[in-house]
C-alpha atoms as a PDB file:
ATOM      1  CA  UNK A   1     -40.660 -60.217 -12.975  1.00  0.00           C
ATOM      2  CA  UNK A   2     -39.555 -57.925 -10.129  1.00  0.00           C
ATOM      3  CA  UNK A   3     -36.152 -56.285 -10.605  1.00  0.00           C
ATOM      4  CA  UNK A   4     -34.427 -54.601  -7.529  1.00  0.00           C
ATOM      5  CA  UNK A   5     -31.680 -51.963  -8.469  1.00  0.00           C
ATOM      6  CA  UNK A   6     -29.274 -50.658  -5.751  1.00  0.00           C
ATOM      7  CA  UNK A   7     -27.185 -47.606  -6.765  1.00  0.00           C
ATOM      8  CA  UNK A   8     -24.214 -46.254  -4.928  1.00  0.00           C
ATOM      9  CA  UNK A   9     -22.274 -43.042  -5.337  1.00  0.00           C
ATOM     10  CA  UNK A  10     -18.607 -43.112  -5.022  1.00  0.00           C
ATOM     11  CA  UNK A  11     -17.033 -39.943  -3.660  1.00  0.00           C
ATOM     12  CA  UNK A  12     -13.365 -39.138  -4.294  1.00  0.00           C
ATOM     13  CA  UNK A  13     -11.190 -37.399  -1.619  1.00  0.00           C
ATOM     14  CA  UNK A  14     -10.651 -34.597  -3.916  1.00  0.00           C
ATOM     15  CA  UNK A  15      -7.734 -35.625  -5.289  1.00  0.00           C
ATOM     16  CA  UNK A  16      -7.842 -36.643  -8.892  1.00  0.00           C
ATOM     17  CA  UNK A  17      -4.587 -37.350 -10.453  1.00  0.00           C
ATOM     18  CA  UNK A  18      -2.773 -34.873  -8.113  1.00  0.00           C
ATOM     19  CA  UNK A  19      -3.583 -31.922 -10.229  1.00  0.00           C
ATOM     20  CA  UNK A  20      -7.265 -30.713  -8.997  1.00  0.00           C
ATOM     21  CA  UNK A  21      -6.780 -27.308  -7.805  1.00  0.00           C
ATOM     22  CA  UNK A  22      -3.160 -27.074  -8.866  1.00  0.00           C
ATOM     23  CA  UNK A  23      -3.825 -23.883 -10.724  1.00  0.00           C
ATOM     24  CA  UNK A  24      -5.369 -22.065  -7.549  1.00  0.00           C
ATOM     25  CA  UNK A  25      -2.505 -23.296  -5.657  1.00  0.00           C
ATOM     26  CA  UNK A  26       0.204 -22.367  -7.931  1.00  0.00           C
ATOM     27  CA  UNK A  27       2.510 -19.486  -6.839  1.00  0.00           C
ATOM     28  CA  UNK A  28       1.985 -17.325 -10.121  1.00  0.00           C
ATOM     29  CA  UNK A  29      -1.719 -17.352  -9.662  1.00  0.00           C
ATOM     30  CA  UNK A  30      -1.544 -16.656  -6.167  1.00  0.00           C
ATOM     31  CA  UNK A  31       0.831 -13.610  -6.696  1.00  0.00           C
ATOM     32  CA  UNK A  32      -1.473 -12.306  -9.544  1.00  0.00           C
ATOM     33  CA  UNK A  33      -4.509 -12.842  -7.648  1.00  0.00           C
ATOM     34  CA  UNK A  34      -2.975 -10.769  -4.752  1.00  0.00           C
ATOM     35  CA  UNK A  35      -1.790  -8.074  -7.053  1.00  0.00           C
ATOM     36  CA  UNK A  36      -5.243  -7.760  -8.480  1.00  0.00           C
ATOM     37  CA  UNK A  37      -6.953  -7.753  -5.048  1.00  0.00           C
ATOM     38  CA  UNK A  38      -4.299  -4.953  -3.877  1.00  0.00           C
ATOM     39  CA  UNK A  39      -5.214  -2.893  -7.047  1.00  0.00           C
ATOM     40  CA  UNK A  40      -8.995  -3.085  -6.353  1.00  0.00           C
ATOM     41  CA  UNK A  41      -8.391  -1.813  -2.846  1.00  0.00           C
ATOM     42  CA  UNK A  42      -6.385   0.929  -3.947  1.00  0.00           C
ATOM     43  CA  UNK A  43      -8.787   2.003  -6.705  1.00  0.00           C
ATOM     44  CA  UNK A  44     -11.379   1.797  -3.857  1.00  0.00           C
ATOM     45  CA  UNK A  45      -9.346   3.959  -1.445  1.00  0.00           C
ATOM     46  CA  UNK A  46      -8.449   6.401  -4.231  1.00  0.00           C
ATOM     47  CA  UNK A  47     -12.205   6.921  -5.029  1.00  0.00           C
ATOM     48  CA  UNK A  48     -13.088   7.342  -1.366  1.00  0.00           C
ATOM     49  CA  UNK A  49     -10.359  10.140  -0.962  1.00  0.00           C
ATOM     50  CA  UNK A  50     -11.612  11.761  -4.306  1.00  0.00           C
ATOM     51  CA  UNK A  51     -15.279  11.795  -2.847  1.00  0.00           C
ATOM     52  CA  UNK A  52     -13.994  13.264   0.394  1.00  0.00           C
ATOM     53  CA  UNK A  53     -11.889  15.691  -1.148  1.00  0.00           C
ATOM     54  CA  UNK A  54     -15.019  16.878  -3.013  1.00  0.00           C
ATOM     55  CA  UNK A  55     -16.944  17.184   0.177  1.00  0.00           C
ATOM     56  CA  UNK A  56     -13.967  19.136   1.725  1.00  0.00           C
ATOM     57  CA  UNK A  57     -13.885  21.501  -1.138  1.00  0.00           C
ATOM     58  CA  UNK A  58     -17.489  21.908  -0.965  1.00  0.00           C
ATOM     59  CA  UNK A  59     -17.426  22.715   2.670  1.00  0.00           C
ATOM     60  CA  UNK A  60     -14.621  24.965   2.463  1.00  0.00           C
ATOM     61  CA  UNK A  61     -16.482  26.961  -0.183  1.00  0.00           C
ATOM     62  CA  UNK A  62     -19.397  27.002   1.986  1.00  0.00           C
ATOM     63  CA  UNK A  63     -17.418  28.432   4.928  1.00  0.00           C
ATOM     64  CA  UNK A  64     -16.056  31.188   2.434  1.00  0.00           C
ATOM     65  CA  UNK A  65     -19.491  32.236   1.319  1.00  0.00           C
ATOM     66  CA  UNK A  66     -20.424  32.633   4.938  1.00  0.00           C
ATOM     67  CA  UNK A  67     -17.538  34.642   5.816  1.00  0.00           C
ATOM     68  CA  UNK A  68     -18.136  36.695   2.833  1.00  0.00           C
ATOM     69  CA  UNK A  69     -21.939  37.293   3.869  1.00  0.00           C
ATOM     70  CA  UNK A  70     -20.927  37.860   7.369  1.00  0.00           C
ATOM     71  CA  UNK A  71     -18.336  40.724   6.180  1.00  0.00           C
ATOM     72  CA  UNK A  72     -21.065  42.077   3.970  1.00  0.00           C
ATOM     73  CA  UNK A  73     -23.457  42.108   6.702  1.00  0.00           C
ATOM     74  CA  UNK A  74     -20.674  43.942   8.925  1.00  0.00           C
ATOM     75  CA  UNK A  75     -20.456  46.659   6.069  1.00  0.00           C
ATOM     76  CA  UNK A  76     -23.961  47.329   6.379  1.00  0.00           C
ATOM     77  CA  UNK A  77     -24.131  47.913  10.110  1.00  0.00           C
ATOM     78  CA  UNK A  78     -21.558  50.682   9.900  1.00  0.00           C
END
């Protein structure tokens, strides 16, 4: 006895009951998501600025140290 089975798969158009993805499309969710993204970007920028300030402070300290060494060497020449 031979049995032939045929299977088919039905796909929906993505709208099931009209509520699929409703949360992602809701105004409150979108505003909250935008606010979180904005905060994330502000935090990243703040961290970048902090690191740049540290580098600038270190460079300024090095410049001052070089100036001091030059001044000390100038005093030795006279």
